[in-house]
Amino acid sequence: MLINRQAVDWIPVDFAAAAILDFRRYSGPAHIVHLRHPRPVSWRLIAASLSEEFSVPLVPYPEWFAK
């Protein structure tokens, strides 16, 4: 399985907590659960949304880091 490091698949903490509680009630064999959002978005989309919301320009990372 390839992992897209450009994707953000976070879920709201209240959803994660509810899922953990649901899995604690499960009485079947032990299992591992990986919680992630079913429709991840790109960092680029998040950055563009924040840029628009706060009326700040997007700059390349090296330029931002240099300042």
N, C-alpha and C. Protein backbone atom coordinates (compact mmCIF):
# COMPACT_ATOMS: atom_id res chain seq x y z
N MET A 1 0.84 -1.18 0.00
CA MET A 1 0.00 0.00 0.00
C MET A 1 0.88 1.24 0.00
N LEU A 2 0.68 2.12 -0.94
CA LEU A 2 1.42 3.37 -1.00
C LEU A 2 0.73 4.42 -0.15
N ILE A 3 1.51 5.21 0.54
CA ILE A 3 0.96 6.28 1.36
C ILE A 3 1.22 7.59 0.65
N ASN A 4 0.16 8.36 0.44
CA ASN A 4 0.30 9.66 -0.18
C ASN A 4 0.60 10.68 0.91
N ARG A 5 1.83 11.12 1.00
CA ARG A 5 2.22 12.07 2.05
C ARG A 5 1.65 13.46 1.80
N GLN A 6 1.05 13.67 0.64
CA GLN A 6 0.44 14.95 0.35
C GLN A 6 -1.03 14.98 0.79
N ALA A 7 -1.56 13.86 1.24
CA ALA A 7 -2.97 13.79 1.63
C ALA A 7 -3.13 13.96 3.13
N VAL A 8 -4.21 14.61 3.51
CA VAL A 8 -4.56 14.80 4.91
C VAL A 8 -5.83 14.00 5.17
N ASP A 9 -5.74 13.02 6.05
CA ASP A 9 -6.89 12.16 6.30
C ASP A 9 -7.32 12.19 7.77
N TRP A 10 -7.19 13.36 8.38
CA TRP A 10 -7.60 13.51 9.77
C TRP A 10 -9.10 13.38 9.91
N ILE A 11 -9.53 12.98 11.10
CA ILE A 11 -10.96 12.97 11.40
C ILE A 11 -11.18 13.77 12.68
N PRO A 12 -12.39 14.31 12.84
CA PRO A 12 -12.67 15.08 14.06
C PRO A 12 -12.50 14.20 15.30
N VAL A 13 -11.98 14.78 16.37
CA VAL A 13 -11.68 14.03 17.58
C VAL A 13 -12.93 13.38 18.19
N ASP A 14 -14.07 14.02 18.08
CA ASP A 14 -15.28 13.42 18.65
C ASP A 14 -15.68 12.16 17.87
N PHE A 15 -15.44 12.13 16.55
CA PHE A 15 -15.72 10.93 15.76
C PHE A 15 -14.75 9.81 16.16
N ALA A 16 -13.48 10.17 16.33
CA ALA A 16 -12.48 9.17 16.72
C ALA A 16 -12.82 8.59 18.09
N ALA A 17 -13.20 9.44 19.03
CA ALA A 17 -13.54 8.96 20.38
C ALA A 17 -14.75 8.03 20.33
N ALA A 18 -15.76 8.38 19.54
CA ALA A 18 -16.94 7.53 19.43
C ALA A 18 -16.58 6.18 18.82
N ALA A 19 -15.70 6.19 17.81
CA ALA A 19 -15.28 4.93 17.18
C ALA A 19 -14.52 4.06 18.17
N ILE A 20 -13.65 4.67 18.95
CA ILE A 20 -12.88 3.91 19.95
C ILE A 20 -13.81 3.28 20.97
N LEU A 21 -14.80 4.04 21.43
CA LEU A 21 -15.77 3.48 22.38
C LEU A 21 -16.54 2.32 21.75
N ASP A 22 -16.93 2.46 20.49
CA ASP A 22 -17.64 1.37 19.80
C ASP A 22 -16.77 0.12 19.73
N PHE A 23 -15.49 0.28 19.40
CA PHE A 23 -14.60 -0.88 19.29
C PHE A 23 -14.32 -1.51 20.65
N ARG A 24 -14.33 -0.72 21.73
CA ARG A 24 -14.13 -1.28 23.07
C ARG A 24 -15.27 -2.22 23.44
N ARG A 25 -16.47 -1.94 22.93
CA ARG A 25 -17.64 -2.77 23.24
C ARG A 25 -17.67 -4.06 22.42
N TYR A 26 -16.81 -4.16 21.40
CA TYR A 26 -16.77 -5.34 20.53
C TYR A 26 -16.20 -6.52 21.31
N SER A 27 -16.91 -7.63 21.31
CA SER A 27 -16.48 -8.78 22.12
C SER A 27 -15.83 -9.88 21.28
N GLY A 28 -15.59 -9.63 20.03
CA GLY A 28 -14.96 -10.62 19.16
C GLY A 28 -13.46 -10.71 19.41
N PRO A 29 -12.74 -11.40 18.51
CA PRO A 29 -11.30 -11.52 18.66
C PRO A 29 -10.61 -10.16 18.59
N ALA A 30 -9.44 -10.08 19.20
CA ALA A 30 -8.68 -8.83 19.21
C ALA A 30 -8.38 -8.39 17.78
N HIS A 31 -8.35 -7.10 17.58
CA HIS A 31 -8.07 -6.57 16.26
C HIS A 31 -7.43 -5.18 16.38
N ILE A 32 -6.88 -4.73 15.28
CA ILE A 32 -6.26 -3.41 15.22
C ILE A 32 -7.11 -2.54 14.32
N VAL A 33 -7.29 -1.29 14.72
CA VAL A 33 -8.12 -0.36 13.96
C VAL A 33 -7.28 0.87 13.60
N HIS A 34 -7.32 1.27 12.36
CA HIS A 34 -6.66 2.49 11.91
C HIS A 34 -7.76 3.47 11.49
N LEU A 35 -7.93 4.53 12.26
CA LEU A 35 -8.96 5.50 11.95
C LEU A 35 -8.41 6.54 10.99
N ARG A 36 -9.13 6.80 9.91
CA ARG A 36 -8.75 7.84 8.97
C ARG A 36 -9.99 8.29 8.21
N HIS A 37 -9.94 9.50 7.71
CA HIS A 37 -11.06 10.05 6.96
C HIS A 37 -11.21 9.30 5.64
N PRO A 38 -12.41 8.98 5.24
CA PRO A 38 -12.59 8.22 4.00
C PRO A 38 -12.32 9.03 2.73
N ARG A 39 -12.33 10.36 2.83
CA ARG A 39 -12.07 11.19 1.66
C ARG A 39 -10.99 12.22 1.99
N PRO A 40 -9.72 11.80 1.99
CA PRO A 40 -8.64 12.74 2.33
C PRO A 40 -8.54 13.87 1.32
N VAL A 41 -7.97 14.98 1.77
CA VAL A 41 -7.75 16.14 0.91
C VAL A 41 -6.26 16.45 0.88
N SER A 42 -5.85 17.25 -0.09
CA SER A 42 -4.43 17.58 -0.22
C SER A 42 -4.05 18.74 0.70
N TRP A 43 -2.76 18.78 1.07
CA TRP A 43 -2.24 19.91 1.82
C TRP A 43 -2.41 21.19 1.02
N ARG A 44 -2.27 21.08 -0.29
CA ARG A 44 -2.41 22.25 -1.17
C ARG A 44 -3.81 22.87 -1.01
N LEU A 45 -4.84 22.04 -0.95
CA LEU A 45 -6.21 22.53 -0.78
C LEU A 45 -6.38 23.20 0.58
N ILE A 46 -5.81 22.61 1.62
CA ILE A 46 -5.89 23.20 2.95
C ILE A 46 -5.17 24.55 2.98
N ALA A 47 -3.97 24.60 2.40
CA ALA A 47 -3.21 25.84 2.38
C ALA A 47 -3.96 26.92 1.59
N ALA A 48 -4.53 26.56 0.46
CA ALA A 48 -5.27 27.53 -0.35
C ALA A 48 -6.49 28.06 0.42
N SER A 49 -7.17 27.19 1.12
CA SER A 49 -8.34 27.61 1.92
C SER A 49 -7.93 28.57 3.03
N LEU A 50 -6.83 28.25 3.73
CA LEU A 50 -6.35 29.13 4.79
C LEU A 50 -5.87 30.46 4.23
N SER A 51 -5.20 30.42 3.09
CA SER A 51 -4.71 31.64 2.45
C SER A 51 -5.88 32.56 2.11
N GLU A 52 -6.93 31.97 1.57
CA GLU A 52 -8.11 32.76 1.22
C GLU A 52 -8.82 33.30 2.47
N GLU A 53 -8.97 32.45 3.47
CA GLU A 53 -9.68 32.83 4.69
C GLU A 53 -8.97 33.98 5.42
N PHE A 54 -7.65 33.94 5.45
CA PHE A 54 -6.90 34.95 6.20
C PHE A 54 -6.30 36.05 5.30
N SER A 55 -6.63 36.00 4.02
CA SER A 55 -6.16 37.01 3.04
C SER A 55 -4.64 37.18 3.08
N VAL A 56 -3.94 36.06 3.02
CA VAL A 56 -2.48 36.08 2.97
C VAL A 56 -2.04 35.30 1.73
N PRO A 57 -0.94 35.72 1.11
CA PRO A 57 -0.50 35.02 -0.10
C PRO A 57 0.17 33.68 0.24
N LEU A 58 0.07 32.77 -0.69
CA LEU A 58 0.82 31.51 -0.57
C LEU A 58 2.21 31.75 -1.15
N VAL A 59 3.22 31.28 -0.47
CA VAL A 59 4.59 31.38 -0.97
C VAL A 59 5.23 30.00 -0.90
N PRO A 60 6.20 29.73 -1.76
CA PRO A 60 6.88 28.44 -1.70
C PRO A 60 7.57 28.26 -0.34
N TYR A 61 7.64 27.02 0.13
CA TYR A 61 8.20 26.72 1.43
C TYR A 61 9.62 27.28 1.60
N PRO A 62 10.53 27.08 0.63
CA PRO A 62 11.89 27.61 0.83
C PRO A 62 11.88 29.14 1.07
N GLU A 63 11.01 29.84 0.34
CA GLU A 63 10.93 31.29 0.53
C GLU A 63 10.39 31.63 1.92
N TRP A 64 9.36 30.93 2.33
CA TRP A 64 8.76 31.14 3.67
C TRP A 64 9.80 30.84 4.75
N PHE A 65 10.50 29.72 4.62
CA PHE A 65 11.48 29.32 5.62
C PHE A 65 12.63 30.31 5.72
N ALA A 66 13.05 30.87 4.58
CA ALA A 66 14.15 31.82 4.55
C ALA A 66 13.80 33.12 5.30
N LYS A 67 12.52 33.48 5.27
CA LYS A 67 12.11 34.71 5.96
C LYS A 67 11.92 34.47 7.45
